[in-house]
Amino acid sequence: MNFATRLIRDERGQDLAEYAIALAVITIAVIAAVQLVGTRVTTLWNQAATTLQNAAS
């Protein structure tokens, strides 16, 4: 059995790679969610500020 075949069949460290991929996917999802929520919160604050300015004048 040559080196490449042994390397392909060797499963040591496979769990670590799977956990790393799962962590990367979760991280990307969290970043996307935070950006989306941040945008919506900014919009709400701007609407509130506009409403208050209109009420004051």
N, C-alpha and C. Protein backbone atom coordinates (compact mmCIF):
# COMPACT_ATOMS: atom_id res chain seq x y z
N MET A 1 0.84 -1.17 0.00
CA MET A 1 0.00 0.00 0.00
C MET A 1 0.89 1.24 0.00
N ASN A 2 0.67 2.10 -0.94
CA ASN A 2 1.53 3.28 -1.03
C ASN A 2 1.03 4.39 -0.10
N PHE A 3 1.80 5.43 -0.02
CA PHE A 3 1.53 6.52 0.93
C PHE A 3 0.19 7.20 0.66
N ALA A 4 -0.12 7.48 -0.60
CA ALA A 4 -1.35 8.19 -0.94
C ALA A 4 -2.58 7.37 -0.55
N THR A 5 -2.56 6.08 -0.79
CA THR A 5 -3.68 5.22 -0.44
C THR A 5 -3.87 5.18 1.07
N ARG A 6 -2.77 5.06 1.80
CA ARG A 6 -2.87 5.05 3.27
C ARG A 6 -3.42 6.38 3.77
N LEU A 7 -2.98 7.46 3.17
CA LEU A 7 -3.42 8.78 3.59
C LEU A 7 -4.92 8.96 3.35
N ILE A 8 -5.42 8.47 2.24
CA ILE A 8 -6.84 8.59 1.92
C ILE A 8 -7.69 7.75 2.88
N ARG A 9 -7.22 6.57 3.23
CA ARG A 9 -7.98 5.67 4.10
C ARG A 9 -7.85 6.01 5.58
N ASP A 10 -6.87 6.79 5.93
CA ASP A 10 -6.64 7.14 7.33
C ASP A 10 -7.73 8.12 7.79
N GLU A 11 -8.43 7.76 8.85
CA GLU A 11 -9.53 8.59 9.34
C GLU A 11 -9.15 9.40 10.57
N ARG A 12 -7.91 9.34 10.99
CA ARG A 12 -7.51 10.13 12.15
C ARG A 12 -7.58 11.61 11.79
N GLY A 13 -8.15 12.39 12.67
CA GLY A 13 -8.28 13.81 12.43
C GLY A 13 -9.51 14.20 11.62
N GLN A 14 -10.27 13.21 11.18
CA GLN A 14 -11.45 13.49 10.38
C GLN A 14 -12.50 14.24 11.21
N ASP A 15 -12.66 13.87 12.46
CA ASP A 15 -13.63 14.55 13.32
C ASP A 15 -13.28 16.03 13.46
N LEU A 16 -12.02 16.32 13.63
CA LEU A 16 -11.59 17.71 13.77
C LEU A 16 -11.96 18.51 12.53
N ALA A 17 -11.76 17.94 11.36
CA ALA A 17 -12.10 18.63 10.12
C ALA A 17 -13.60 18.87 10.03
N GLU A 18 -14.40 17.88 10.44
CA GLU A 18 -15.85 18.03 10.40
C GLU A 18 -16.31 19.12 11.37
N TYR A 19 -15.73 19.14 12.55
CA TYR A 19 -16.08 20.18 13.52
C TYR A 19 -15.67 21.56 13.02
N ALA A 20 -14.54 21.65 12.36
CA ALA A 20 -14.08 22.93 11.83
C ALA A 20 -15.03 23.43 10.74
N ILE A 21 -15.49 22.54 9.89
CA ILE A 21 -16.44 22.93 8.84
C ILE A 21 -17.76 23.37 9.46
N ALA A 22 -18.25 22.62 10.44
CA ALA A 22 -19.50 22.99 11.11
C ALA A 22 -19.36 24.35 11.80
N LEU A 23 -18.24 24.57 12.45
CA LEU A 23 -18.01 25.85 13.12
C LEU A 23 -17.97 27.00 12.11
N ALA A 24 -17.35 26.77 10.97
CA ALA A 24 -17.29 27.81 9.93
C ALA A 24 -18.68 28.15 9.41
N VAL A 25 -19.51 27.14 9.19
CA VAL A 25 -20.88 27.38 8.71
C VAL A 25 -21.69 28.15 9.74
N ILE A 26 -21.57 27.75 11.00
CA ILE A 26 -22.30 28.44 12.07
C ILE A 26 -21.83 29.88 12.20
N THR A 27 -20.53 30.09 12.10
CA THR A 27 -19.97 31.44 12.20
C THR A 27 -20.49 32.34 11.08
N ILE A 28 -20.53 31.82 9.88
CA ILE A 28 -21.04 32.59 8.74
C ILE A 28 -22.51 32.94 8.95
N ALA A 29 -23.30 31.98 9.46
CA ALA A 29 -24.72 32.23 9.71
C ALA A 29 -24.91 33.30 10.78
N VAL A 30 -24.11 33.25 11.83
CA VAL A 30 -24.22 34.24 12.91
C VAL A 30 -23.84 35.63 12.40
N ILE A 31 -22.78 35.72 11.62
CA ILE A 31 -22.36 37.01 11.07
C ILE A 31 -23.46 37.59 10.18
N ALA A 32 -24.06 36.76 9.34
CA ALA A 32 -25.13 37.23 8.47
C ALA A 32 -26.33 37.70 9.29
N ALA A 33 -26.68 36.96 10.33
CA ALA A 33 -27.81 37.34 11.17
C ALA A 33 -27.55 38.65 11.90
N VAL A 34 -26.35 38.83 12.41
CA VAL A 34 -26.01 40.06 13.13
C VAL A 34 -26.06 41.26 12.18
N GLN A 35 -25.58 41.09 10.98
CA GLN A 35 -25.62 42.19 10.01
C GLN A 35 -27.06 42.54 9.65
N LEU A 36 -27.90 41.53 9.48
CA LEU A 36 -29.30 41.77 9.14
C LEU A 36 -30.01 42.48 10.29
N VAL A 37 -29.81 42.01 11.50
CA VAL A 37 -30.45 42.63 12.66
C VAL A 37 -29.92 44.05 12.85
N GLY A 38 -28.63 44.24 12.66
CA GLY A 38 -28.04 45.57 12.80
C GLY A 38 -28.65 46.56 11.83
N THR A 39 -28.87 46.14 10.62
CA THR A 39 -29.47 47.01 9.61
C THR A 39 -30.90 47.38 10.01
N ARG A 40 -31.63 46.40 10.50
CA ARG A 40 -33.02 46.67 10.90
C ARG A 40 -33.08 47.58 12.12
N VAL A 41 -32.19 47.40 13.06
CA VAL A 41 -32.16 48.25 14.25
C VAL A 41 -31.82 49.69 13.85
N THR A 42 -30.88 49.85 12.95
CA THR A 42 -30.53 51.18 12.46
C THR A 42 -31.73 51.85 11.81
N THR A 43 -32.46 51.11 11.01
CA THR A 43 -33.65 51.65 10.36
C THR A 43 -34.68 52.08 11.39
N LEU A 44 -34.90 51.25 12.41
CA LEU A 44 -35.86 51.60 13.46
C LEU A 44 -35.45 52.86 14.21
N TRP A 45 -34.17 52.98 14.55
CA TRP A 45 -33.69 54.18 15.25
C TRP A 45 -33.87 55.42 14.38
N ASN A 46 -33.58 55.30 13.10
CA ASN A 46 -33.74 56.44 12.20
C ASN A 46 -35.21 56.85 12.09
N GLN A 47 -36.11 55.87 12.03
CA GLN A 47 -37.54 56.18 11.97
C GLN A 47 -37.99 56.86 13.26
N ALA A 48 -37.51 56.37 14.39
CA ALA A 48 -37.87 56.97 15.68
C ALA A 48 -37.36 58.41 15.76
N ALA A 49 -36.14 58.63 15.30
CA ALA A 49 -35.57 59.98 15.33
C ALA A 49 -36.36 60.92 14.43
N THR A 50 -36.75 60.45 13.27
CA THR A 50 -37.53 61.27 12.34
C THR A 50 -38.89 61.61 12.95
N THR A 51 -39.51 60.62 13.57
CA THR A 51 -40.82 60.84 14.20
C THR A 51 -40.71 61.87 15.32
N LEU A 52 -39.67 61.77 16.13
CA LEU A 52 -39.48 62.73 17.21
C LEU A 52 -39.19 64.13 16.69
N GLN A 53 -38.41 64.23 15.62
CA GLN A 53 -38.11 65.54 15.04
C GLN A 53 -39.38 66.17 14.46
N ASN A 54 -40.20 65.36 13.81
CA ASN A 54 -41.44 65.88 13.24
C ASN A 54 -42.41 66.30 14.34
N ALA A 55 -42.43 65.58 15.44
CA ALA A 55 -43.32 65.92 16.55
C ALA A 55 -42.86 67.20 17.24
N ALA A 56 -41.56 67.44 17.27
CA ALA A 56 -41.02 68.61 17.95
C ALA A 56 -41.22 69.89 17.13
N SER A 57 -41.41 69.76 15.83
CA SER A 57 -41.51 70.97 15.00
C SER A 57 -42.93 71.32 14.65
